[in-house]
Amino acid sequence: MPTKMPYKILCVCLGNICRSPTAEVVLRQRCEAQKLAVQVDSAGTSNYHPNKAPDLRSQKHALQRGYDLSALRARQLLMSDFVDFDLILAMDLDNLQDILTLKQQALIKYGQHQLRAEVALMSEHDAKFSKQAVPDPYYGGDAGFERVLDQCESSSDAWVAHLKQKVHRDAV
């Protein structure tokens, strides 16, 4: 990780009301438990739900596992996020493509020297869900929301391990 602290991660899905707020809170708690200086936020590639709280089903399932999403509010991914964040995590391949497209626009606007965000899939380092999309649970039932939590927990643990290795490598 760069010497600038805290390291900033942005979790991104389509609407920022199901997957990415879940990923935000799970990853934040996992980083805090390991005493990593990481700040986590979330956004959506669309502007479907500006300033809306996470889906009530996401909140319910998350709360059953000890994650409180109630204070979060949806926002759209901005070009400036590529300047402000170190890592942007996409929940699926469609959102990954949308993020990369916006990154190209940010490159034109800000120039290479100002962009610092790397872009990856949430499941990039996850051995259990290796490079799999975090499926959108919005139109499904309880099992979909549980799957999102399972995958966010597993992928967050993988990112924490990756970040801890990176800190160790950078310190050497």
N, C-alpha and C. Protein backbone atom coordinates (compact mmCIF):
# COMPACT_ATOMS: atom_id res chain seq x y z
N MET A 1 0.85 -1.18 0.00
CA MET A 1 0.00 0.00 0.00
C MET A 1 0.89 1.23 0.00
N PRO A 2 0.41 2.30 -0.61
CA PRO A 2 1.19 3.53 -0.59
C PRO A 2 1.33 4.06 0.83
N THR A 3 2.32 4.91 1.04
CA THR A 3 2.54 5.45 2.38
C THR A 3 1.41 6.37 2.82
N LYS A 4 0.66 6.91 1.88
CA LYS A 4 -0.47 7.78 2.23
C LYS A 4 -1.53 6.93 2.95
N MET A 5 -1.89 7.36 4.14
CA MET A 5 -2.87 6.62 4.90
C MET A 5 -4.07 7.50 5.15
N PRO A 6 -5.25 6.99 5.28
CA PRO A 6 -5.53 5.58 5.12
C PRO A 6 -5.63 5.19 3.64
N TYR A 7 -5.48 3.93 3.40
CA TYR A 7 -5.69 3.35 2.08
C TYR A 7 -7.20 3.38 1.85
N LYS A 8 -7.64 3.84 0.68
CA LYS A 8 -9.07 4.04 0.45
C LYS A 8 -9.60 3.08 -0.61
N ILE A 9 -10.65 2.35 -0.25
CA ILE A 9 -11.27 1.37 -1.13
C ILE A 9 -12.73 1.75 -1.36
N LEU A 10 -13.16 1.64 -2.62
CA LEU A 10 -14.54 1.92 -3.00
C LEU A 10 -15.14 0.65 -3.60
N CYS A 11 -16.24 0.18 -3.03
CA CYS A 11 -16.96 -1.00 -3.53
C CYS A 11 -18.09 -0.51 -4.43
N VAL A 12 -18.21 -1.10 -5.64
CA VAL A 12 -19.15 -0.58 -6.62
C VAL A 12 -20.02 -1.68 -7.23
N CYS A 13 -21.34 -1.43 -7.23
CA CYS A 13 -22.29 -2.28 -7.95
C CYS A 13 -23.13 -1.36 -8.84
N LEU A 14 -24.29 -1.80 -9.25
CA LEU A 14 -25.12 -1.02 -10.15
C LEU A 14 -25.83 0.13 -9.43
N GLY A 15 -26.64 -0.19 -8.42
CA GLY A 15 -27.47 0.82 -7.78
C GLY A 15 -27.03 1.29 -6.42
N ASN A 16 -26.03 0.61 -5.83
CA ASN A 16 -25.51 0.97 -4.51
C ASN A 16 -26.56 0.83 -3.41
N ILE A 17 -27.43 -0.19 -3.53
CA ILE A 17 -28.40 -0.44 -2.46
C ILE A 17 -28.40 -1.88 -1.96
N CYS A 18 -27.69 -2.79 -2.63
CA CYS A 18 -27.65 -4.18 -2.17
C CYS A 18 -26.21 -4.67 -1.97
N ARG A 19 -25.54 -4.92 -3.08
CA ARG A 19 -24.22 -5.56 -3.01
C ARG A 19 -23.12 -4.65 -2.48
N SER A 20 -22.97 -3.47 -3.07
CA SER A 20 -21.83 -2.64 -2.67
C SER A 20 -21.93 -2.10 -1.24
N PRO A 21 -23.12 -1.74 -0.73
CA PRO A 21 -23.14 -1.34 0.68
C PRO A 21 -22.83 -2.51 1.61
N THR A 22 -23.28 -3.70 1.21
CA THR A 22 -22.95 -4.89 2.00
C THR A 22 -21.44 -5.10 2.00
N ALA A 23 -20.84 -5.04 0.81
CA ALA A 23 -19.39 -5.20 0.70
C ALA A 23 -18.66 -4.13 1.51
N GLU A 24 -19.15 -2.90 1.46
CA GLU A 24 -18.52 -1.81 2.20
C GLU A 24 -18.43 -2.12 3.68
N VAL A 25 -19.55 -2.50 4.27
CA VAL A 25 -19.58 -2.71 5.73
C VAL A 25 -18.80 -3.97 6.12
N VAL A 26 -18.93 -5.03 5.34
CA VAL A 26 -18.20 -6.27 5.65
C VAL A 26 -16.69 -6.01 5.55
N LEU A 27 -16.25 -5.40 4.45
CA LEU A 27 -14.82 -5.15 4.28
C LEU A 27 -14.30 -4.20 5.35
N ARG A 28 -15.06 -3.18 5.68
CA ARG A 28 -14.65 -2.24 6.73
C ARG A 28 -14.44 -2.98 8.06
N GLN A 29 -15.41 -3.82 8.43
CA GLN A 29 -15.29 -4.54 9.71
C GLN A 29 -14.11 -5.50 9.70
N ARG A 30 -13.88 -6.17 8.56
CA ARG A 30 -12.75 -7.11 8.45
C ARG A 30 -11.41 -6.35 8.56
N CYS A 31 -11.32 -5.19 7.93
CA CYS A 31 -10.10 -4.38 8.00
C CYS A 31 -9.88 -3.86 9.41
N GLU A 32 -10.94 -3.38 10.05
CA GLU A 32 -10.83 -2.88 11.43
C GLU A 32 -10.39 -3.99 12.37
N ALA A 33 -10.92 -5.19 12.19
CA ALA A 33 -10.56 -6.32 13.05
C ALA A 33 -9.07 -6.65 12.95
N GLN A 34 -8.48 -6.37 11.78
CA GLN A 34 -7.05 -6.63 11.58
C GLN A 34 -6.20 -5.38 11.78
N LYS A 35 -6.83 -4.30 12.25
CA LYS A 35 -6.15 -3.04 12.54
C LYS A 35 -5.45 -2.46 11.31
N LEU A 36 -6.07 -2.64 10.14
CA LEU A 36 -5.55 -2.06 8.91
C LEU A 36 -6.08 -0.63 8.77
N ALA A 37 -5.23 0.28 8.37
CA ALA A 37 -5.63 1.68 8.16
C ALA A 37 -6.27 1.79 6.78
N VAL A 38 -7.52 1.36 6.71
CA VAL A 38 -8.26 1.33 5.45
C VAL A 38 -9.59 2.03 5.65
N GLN A 39 -9.92 2.89 4.71
CA GLN A 39 -11.22 3.56 4.69
C GLN A 39 -12.02 2.93 3.55
N VAL A 40 -13.27 2.55 3.81
CA VAL A 40 -14.08 1.87 2.80
C VAL A 40 -15.37 2.66 2.57
N ASP A 41 -15.76 2.78 1.31
CA ASP A 41 -16.97 3.47 0.90
C ASP A 41 -17.61 2.62 -0.20
N SER A 42 -18.77 3.06 -0.68
CA SER A 42 -19.42 2.35 -1.79
C SER A 42 -20.15 3.32 -2.68
N ALA A 43 -20.41 2.86 -3.91
CA ALA A 43 -21.09 3.68 -4.91
C ALA A 43 -21.73 2.74 -5.93
N GLY A 44 -22.54 3.34 -6.80
CA GLY A 44 -23.16 2.60 -7.89
C GLY A 44 -22.77 3.20 -9.23
N THR A 45 -22.72 2.38 -10.26
CA THR A 45 -22.42 2.92 -11.59
C THR A 45 -23.61 3.70 -12.13
N SER A 46 -24.80 3.41 -11.63
CA SER A 46 -26.01 4.13 -12.06
C SER A 46 -26.38 5.17 -11.01
N ASN A 47 -27.32 5.98 -11.36
CA ASN A 47 -27.85 6.96 -10.41
C ASN A 47 -29.33 6.65 -10.15
N TYR A 48 -29.65 5.35 -10.02
CA TYR A 48 -31.03 4.91 -9.83
C TYR A 48 -31.59 5.25 -8.46
N HIS A 49 -30.76 5.30 -7.44
CA HIS A 49 -31.26 5.44 -6.07
C HIS A 49 -30.50 6.51 -5.28
N PRO A 50 -30.35 7.73 -5.80
CA PRO A 50 -29.54 8.73 -5.09
C PRO A 50 -30.05 8.99 -3.67
N ASN A 51 -29.11 8.92 -2.74
CA ASN A 51 -29.36 9.20 -1.31
C ASN A 51 -30.34 8.25 -0.65
N LYS A 52 -30.63 7.12 -1.27
CA LYS A 52 -31.53 6.12 -0.67
C LYS A 52 -30.74 5.20 0.26
N ALA A 53 -31.40 4.73 1.29
CA ALA A 53 -30.81 3.74 2.19
C ALA A 53 -30.71 2.39 1.46
N PRO A 54 -29.85 1.51 1.92
CA PRO A 54 -29.79 0.19 1.32
C PRO A 54 -31.15 -0.53 1.38
N ASP A 55 -31.34 -1.41 0.42
CA ASP A 55 -32.55 -2.23 0.35
C ASP A 55 -32.83 -2.84 1.72
N LEU A 56 -34.09 -2.82 2.14
CA LEU A 56 -34.46 -3.33 3.47
C LEU A 56 -34.10 -4.79 3.64
N ARG A 57 -34.17 -5.58 2.56
CA ARG A 57 -33.78 -6.99 2.65
C ARG A 57 -32.28 -7.12 2.88
N SER A 58 -31.49 -6.28 2.24
CA SER A 58 -30.04 -6.29 2.49
C SER A 58 -29.76 -5.93 3.94
N GLN A 59 -30.45 -4.91 4.43
CA GLN A 59 -30.26 -4.50 5.81
C GLN A 59 -30.63 -5.62 6.78
N LYS A 60 -31.75 -6.28 6.52
CA LYS A 60 -32.22 -7.35 7.40
C LYS A 60 -31.22 -8.50 7.47
N HIS A 61 -30.81 -8.98 6.32
CA HIS A 61 -29.88 -10.12 6.29
C HIS A 61 -28.53 -9.74 6.88
N ALA A 62 -28.06 -8.53 6.57
CA ALA A 62 -26.77 -8.09 7.11
C ALA A 62 -26.83 -7.99 8.63
N LEU A 63 -27.92 -7.42 9.15
CA LEU A 63 -28.06 -7.26 10.59
C LEU A 63 -28.05 -8.61 11.32
N GLN A 64 -28.61 -9.63 10.67
CA GLN A 64 -28.60 -10.97 11.27
C GLN A 64 -27.17 -11.50 11.44
N ARG A 65 -26.23 -10.95 10.69
CA ARG A 65 -24.82 -11.36 10.81
C ARG A 65 -23.98 -10.30 11.51
N GLY A 66 -24.63 -9.28 12.06
CA GLY A 66 -23.90 -8.29 12.83
C GLY A 66 -23.40 -7.09 12.04
N TYR A 67 -23.94 -6.86 10.85
CA TYR A 67 -23.53 -5.73 10.02
C TYR A 67 -24.70 -4.74 9.93
N ASP A 68 -24.45 -3.50 10.28
CA ASP A 68 -25.48 -2.47 10.24
C ASP A 68 -25.28 -1.58 9.01
N LEU A 69 -26.20 -1.66 8.05
CA LEU A 69 -26.13 -0.87 6.83
C LEU A 69 -26.99 0.39 6.89
N SER A 70 -27.73 0.58 7.97
CA SER A 70 -28.80 1.58 8.00
C SER A 70 -28.33 3.02 7.78
N ALA A 71 -27.11 3.35 8.15
CA ALA A 71 -26.64 4.74 8.01
C ALA A 71 -26.13 5.06 6.60
N LEU A 72 -25.96 4.06 5.76
CA LEU A 72 -25.41 4.28 4.42
C LEU A 72 -26.45 4.89 3.49
N ARG A 73 -25.97 5.64 2.50
CA ARG A 73 -26.84 6.23 1.49
C ARG A 73 -26.20 6.06 0.13
N ALA A 74 -27.02 5.74 -0.86
CA ALA A 74 -26.53 5.47 -2.20
C ALA A 74 -25.99 6.72 -2.86
N ARG A 75 -24.95 6.51 -3.65
CA ARG A 75 -24.39 7.58 -4.47
C ARG A 75 -23.84 6.97 -5.75
N GLN A 76 -23.63 7.82 -6.73
CA GLN A 76 -23.12 7.36 -8.01
C GLN A 76 -21.60 7.49 -8.05
N LEU A 77 -20.96 6.56 -8.73
CA LEU A 77 -19.52 6.61 -8.98
C LEU A 77 -19.20 7.89 -9.77
N LEU A 78 -18.15 8.58 -9.35
CA LEU A 78 -17.75 9.84 -9.98
C LEU A 78 -16.35 9.71 -10.58
N MET A 79 -16.05 10.53 -11.58
CA MET A 79 -14.70 10.54 -12.13
C MET A 79 -13.66 10.86 -11.06
N SER A 80 -14.01 11.73 -10.14
CA SER A 80 -13.07 12.11 -9.08
C SER A 80 -12.73 10.94 -8.14
N ASP A 81 -13.56 9.90 -8.13
CA ASP A 81 -13.25 8.73 -7.30
C ASP A 81 -11.95 8.05 -7.73
N PHE A 82 -11.57 8.19 -8.99
CA PHE A 82 -10.33 7.60 -9.47
C PHE A 82 -9.11 8.36 -8.97
N VAL A 83 -9.33 9.59 -8.53
CA VAL A 83 -8.29 10.40 -7.92
C VAL A 83 -8.27 10.17 -6.40
N ASP A 84 -9.45 10.02 -5.83
CA ASP A 84 -9.59 9.97 -4.37
C ASP A 84 -9.37 8.59 -3.75
N PHE A 85 -9.55 7.51 -4.52
CA PHE A 85 -9.46 6.16 -3.98
C PHE A 85 -8.24 5.43 -4.53
N ASP A 86 -7.73 4.50 -3.72
CA ASP A 86 -6.59 3.67 -4.14
C ASP A 86 -7.04 2.43 -4.89
N LEU A 87 -8.22 1.93 -4.54
CA LEU A 87 -8.71 0.68 -5.11
C LEU A 87 -10.22 0.78 -5.29
N ILE A 88 -10.70 0.42 -6.47
CA ILE A 88 -12.13 0.37 -6.74
C ILE A 88 -12.48 -1.07 -7.08
N LEU A 89 -13.40 -1.65 -6.30
CA LEU A 89 -13.78 -3.05 -6.43
C LEU A 89 -15.15 -3.18 -7.08
N ALA A 90 -15.21 -3.84 -8.22
CA ALA A 90 -16.46 -4.08 -8.94
C ALA A 90 -17.10 -5.37 -8.45
N MET A 91 -18.42 -5.34 -8.33
CA MET A 91 -19.14 -6.53 -7.88
C MET A 91 -19.34 -7.55 -9.00
N ASP A 92 -19.33 -7.09 -10.26
CA ASP A 92 -19.52 -8.03 -11.38
C ASP A 92 -18.85 -7.49 -12.64
N LEU A 93 -18.86 -8.28 -13.70
CA LEU A 93 -18.15 -7.92 -14.92
C LEU A 93 -18.79 -6.74 -15.65
N ASP A 94 -20.12 -6.62 -15.63
CA ASP A 94 -20.76 -5.47 -16.26
C ASP A 94 -20.34 -4.17 -15.58
N ASN A 95 -20.37 -4.18 -14.26
CA ASN A 95 -19.96 -2.99 -13.52
C ASN A 95 -18.46 -2.74 -13.68
N LEU A 96 -17.68 -3.79 -13.78
CA LEU A 96 -16.25 -3.64 -14.03
C LEU A 96 -16.03 -2.89 -15.34
N GLN A 97 -16.76 -3.28 -16.37
CA GLN A 97 -16.62 -2.61 -17.66
C GLN A 97 -17.05 -1.14 -17.58
N ASP A 98 -18.15 -0.88 -16.88
CA ASP A 98 -18.61 0.51 -16.71
C ASP A 98 -17.59 1.34 -15.94
N ILE A 99 -16.97 0.73 -14.93
CA ILE A 99 -15.95 1.43 -14.14
C ILE A 99 -14.74 1.75 -15.01
N LEU A 100 -14.30 0.78 -15.81
CA LEU A 100 -13.14 0.99 -16.68
C LEU A 100 -13.42 2.06 -17.74
N THR A 101 -14.65 2.11 -18.23
CA THR A 101 -15.04 3.15 -19.19
C THR A 101 -14.96 4.53 -18.54
N LEU A 102 -15.49 4.64 -17.32
CA LEU A 102 -15.43 5.92 -16.61
C LEU A 102 -13.98 6.28 -16.27
N LYS A 103 -13.17 5.27 -15.98
CA LYS A 103 -11.76 5.54 -15.68
C LYS A 103 -11.06 6.16 -16.89
N GLN A 104 -11.41 5.71 -18.09
CA GLN A 104 -10.83 6.30 -19.30
C GLN A 104 -11.22 7.78 -19.42
N GLN A 105 -12.47 8.09 -19.08
CA GLN A 105 -12.92 9.48 -19.10
C GLN A 105 -12.17 10.30 -18.04
N ALA A 106 -11.96 9.69 -16.87
CA ALA A 106 -11.22 10.37 -15.80
C ALA A 106 -9.77 10.60 -16.22
N LEU A 107 -9.20 9.67 -16.96
CA LEU A 107 -7.84 9.81 -17.45
C LEU A 107 -7.72 11.03 -18.35
N ILE A 108 -8.70 11.21 -19.22
CA ILE A 108 -8.71 12.38 -20.11
C ILE A 108 -8.87 13.66 -19.30
N LYS A 109 -9.75 13.64 -18.32
CA LYS A 109 -10.03 14.84 -17.52
C LYS A 109 -8.87 15.20 -16.59
N TYR A 110 -8.31 14.21 -15.89
CA TYR A 110 -7.33 14.48 -14.84
C TYR A 110 -5.89 14.20 -15.24
N GLY A 111 -5.69 13.32 -16.21
CA GLY A 111 -4.33 12.92 -16.58
C GLY A 111 -3.84 11.77 -15.72
N GLN A 112 -2.93 10.99 -16.28
CA GLN A 112 -2.43 9.78 -15.62
C GLN A 112 -1.82 10.07 -14.25
N HIS A 113 -1.12 11.17 -14.11
CA HIS A 113 -0.41 11.46 -12.86
C HIS A 113 -1.34 11.69 -11.68
N GLN A 114 -2.60 12.04 -11.94
CA GLN A 114 -3.53 12.28 -10.83
C GLN A 114 -4.35 11.06 -10.46
N LEU A 115 -4.51 10.12 -11.39
CA LEU A 115 -5.32 8.93 -11.09
C LEU A 115 -4.50 7.97 -10.23
N ARG A 116 -5.12 7.50 -9.17
CA ARG A 116 -4.40 6.55 -8.33
C ARG A 116 -5.15 5.23 -8.17
N ALA A 117 -6.41 5.17 -8.55
CA ALA A 117 -7.22 3.99 -8.29
C ALA A 117 -6.87 2.83 -9.21
N GLU A 118 -6.58 1.69 -8.59
CA GLU A 118 -6.54 0.43 -9.31
C GLU A 118 -7.98 -0.08 -9.35
N VAL A 119 -8.31 -0.88 -10.33
CA VAL A 119 -9.66 -1.43 -10.46
C VAL A 119 -9.55 -2.95 -10.50
N ALA A 120 -10.42 -3.63 -9.74
CA ALA A 120 -10.41 -5.10 -9.69
C ALA A 120 -11.81 -5.60 -9.34
N LEU A 121 -12.00 -6.89 -9.52
CA LEU A 121 -13.24 -7.53 -9.06
C LEU A 121 -13.18 -7.73 -7.55
N MET A 122 -14.31 -7.65 -6.90
CA MET A 122 -14.37 -7.92 -5.46
C MET A 122 -13.77 -9.29 -5.16
N SER A 123 -14.00 -10.25 -6.04
CA SER A 123 -13.55 -11.63 -5.81
C SER A 123 -12.18 -11.92 -6.40
N GLU A 124 -11.42 -10.91 -6.74
CA GLU A 124 -10.11 -11.05 -7.41
C GLU A 124 -9.18 -12.05 -6.73
N HIS A 125 -9.09 -12.00 -5.40
CA HIS A 125 -8.14 -12.83 -4.65
C HIS A 125 -8.85 -13.93 -3.85
N ASP A 126 -10.12 -14.11 -4.07
CA ASP A 126 -10.94 -15.04 -3.28
C ASP A 126 -10.83 -16.46 -3.85
N ALA A 127 -10.22 -17.36 -3.10
CA ALA A 127 -10.06 -18.75 -3.56
C ALA A 127 -11.40 -19.47 -3.67
N LYS A 128 -12.35 -19.13 -2.82
CA LYS A 128 -13.65 -19.82 -2.82
C LYS A 128 -14.54 -19.34 -3.97
N PHE A 129 -14.53 -18.05 -4.25
CA PHE A 129 -15.37 -17.47 -5.31
C PHE A 129 -14.50 -16.81 -6.38
N SER A 130 -13.43 -17.45 -6.76
CA SER A 130 -12.41 -16.88 -7.62
C SER A 130 -12.97 -16.20 -8.87
N LYS A 131 -12.80 -14.86 -8.89
CA LYS A 131 -13.20 -14.01 -10.02
C LYS A 131 -14.65 -14.21 -10.45
N GLN A 132 -15.50 -14.58 -9.50
CA GLN A 132 -16.93 -14.72 -9.76
C GLN A 132 -17.64 -13.41 -9.46
N ALA A 133 -18.69 -13.16 -10.22
CA ALA A 133 -19.53 -12.01 -9.95
C ALA A 133 -20.27 -12.21 -8.62
N VAL A 134 -20.44 -11.12 -7.90
CA VAL A 134 -21.34 -11.14 -6.75
C VAL A 134 -22.72 -10.93 -7.37
N PRO A 135 -23.57 -11.97 -7.35
CA PRO A 135 -24.85 -11.86 -8.06
C PRO A 135 -25.80 -10.84 -7.43
N ASP A 136 -26.51 -10.12 -8.29
CA ASP A 136 -27.46 -9.10 -7.83
C ASP A 136 -28.67 -9.81 -7.22
N PRO A 137 -28.96 -9.58 -5.93
CA PRO A 137 -30.07 -10.26 -5.28
C PRO A 137 -31.41 -9.52 -5.40
N TYR A 138 -31.42 -8.37 -6.04
CA TYR A 138 -32.56 -7.46 -6.00
C TYR A 138 -33.88 -8.11 -6.40
N TYR A 139 -33.89 -8.90 -7.45
CA TYR A 139 -35.14 -9.50 -7.93
C TYR A 139 -35.36 -10.92 -7.41
N GLY A 140 -34.55 -11.35 -6.47
CA GLY A 140 -34.67 -12.71 -5.96
C GLY A 140 -35.15 -12.74 -4.52
N GLY A 141 -34.95 -13.88 -3.90
CA GLY A 141 -35.40 -14.08 -2.53
C GLY A 141 -34.27 -14.03 -1.53
N ASP A 142 -34.55 -14.57 -0.34
CA ASP A 142 -33.60 -14.54 0.77
C ASP A 142 -32.26 -15.18 0.42
N ALA A 143 -32.28 -16.25 -0.34
CA ALA A 143 -31.04 -16.97 -0.66
C ALA A 143 -30.05 -16.06 -1.39
N GLY A 144 -30.55 -15.17 -2.22
CA GLY A 144 -29.67 -14.25 -2.93
C GLY A 144 -28.95 -13.29 -2.00
N PHE A 145 -29.65 -12.80 -1.00
CA PHE A 145 -29.04 -11.88 -0.05
C PHE A 145 -28.03 -12.59 0.83
N GLU A 146 -28.32 -13.84 1.17
CA GLU A 146 -27.37 -14.64 1.94
C GLU A 146 -26.12 -14.94 1.11
N ARG A 147 -26.30 -15.21 -0.17
CA ARG A 147 -25.16 -15.46 -1.06
C ARG A 147 -24.27 -14.22 -1.14
N VAL A 148 -24.87 -13.05 -1.24
CA VAL A 148 -24.09 -11.81 -1.28
C VAL A 148 -23.25 -11.70 -0.01
N LEU A 149 -23.84 -11.95 1.13
CA LEU A 149 -23.11 -11.89 2.39
C LEU A 149 -21.99 -12.93 2.43
N ASP A 150 -22.30 -14.16 2.03
CA ASP A 150 -21.27 -15.22 2.01
C ASP A 150 -20.08 -14.78 1.16
N GLN A 151 -20.39 -14.28 -0.02
CA GLN A 151 -19.32 -13.91 -0.94
C GLN A 151 -18.58 -12.66 -0.46
N CYS A 152 -19.30 -11.69 0.06
CA CYS A 152 -18.63 -10.49 0.58
C CYS A 152 -17.71 -10.83 1.75
N GLU A 153 -18.13 -11.73 2.62
CA GLU A 153 -17.28 -12.14 3.73
C GLU A 153 -16.03 -12.85 3.23
N SER A 154 -16.21 -13.79 2.32
CA SER A 154 -15.08 -14.54 1.79
C SER A 154 -14.12 -13.63 1.02
N SER A 155 -14.66 -12.80 0.15
CA SER A 155 -13.82 -11.90 -0.64
C SER A 155 -13.14 -10.85 0.23
N SER A 156 -13.83 -10.36 1.25
CA SER A 156 -13.23 -9.39 2.16
C SER A 156 -12.06 -10.00 2.91
N ASP A 157 -12.22 -11.23 3.36
CA ASP A 157 -11.11 -11.92 4.02
C ASP A 157 -9.91 -12.04 3.08
N ALA A 158 -10.19 -12.35 1.81
CA ALA A 158 -9.11 -12.47 0.82
C ALA A 158 -8.42 -11.12 0.60
N TRP A 159 -9.20 -10.04 0.52
CA TRP A 159 -8.60 -8.71 0.34
C TRP A 159 -7.79 -8.31 1.56
N VAL A 160 -8.27 -8.62 2.76
CA VAL A 160 -7.52 -8.31 3.97
C VAL A 160 -6.18 -9.03 3.95
N ALA A 161 -6.18 -10.31 3.59
CA ALA A 161 -4.92 -11.07 3.51
C ALA A 161 -4.00 -10.44 2.46
N HIS A 162 -4.56 -10.06 1.33
CA HIS A 162 -3.77 -9.43 0.27
C HIS A 162 -3.18 -8.10 0.74
N LEU A 163 -3.98 -7.29 1.41
CA LEU A 163 -3.51 -5.99 1.89
C LEU A 163 -2.43 -6.15 2.97
N LYS A 164 -2.59 -7.15 3.83
CA LYS A 164 -1.58 -7.40 4.86
C LYS A 164 -0.26 -7.82 4.22
N GLN A 165 -0.31 -8.65 3.18
CA GLN A 165 0.90 -9.04 2.46
C GLN A 165 1.55 -7.83 1.81
N LYS A 166 0.73 -6.98 1.22
CA LYS A 166 1.22 -5.78 0.54
C LYS A 166 1.90 -4.84 1.53
N VAL A 167 1.32 -4.68 2.70
CA VAL A 167 1.93 -3.84 3.73
C VAL A 167 3.28 -4.42 4.13
N HIS A 168 3.35 -5.74 4.28
CA HIS A 168 4.60 -6.39 4.66
C HIS A 168 5.65 -6.21 3.56
N ARG A 169 5.26 -6.41 2.30
CA ARG A 169 6.19 -6.24 1.17
C ARG A 169 6.70 -4.80 1.09
N ASP A 170 5.79 -3.84 1.27
CA ASP A 170 6.17 -2.44 1.17
C ASP A 170 7.09 -2.02 2.32
N ALA A 171 6.97 -2.69 3.45
CA ALA A 171 7.79 -2.35 4.62
C ALA A 171 9.21 -2.91 4.51
N VAL A 172 9.36 -3.92 3.67
CA VAL A 172 10.68 -4.57 3.53
C VAL A 172 11.59 -3.78 2.63
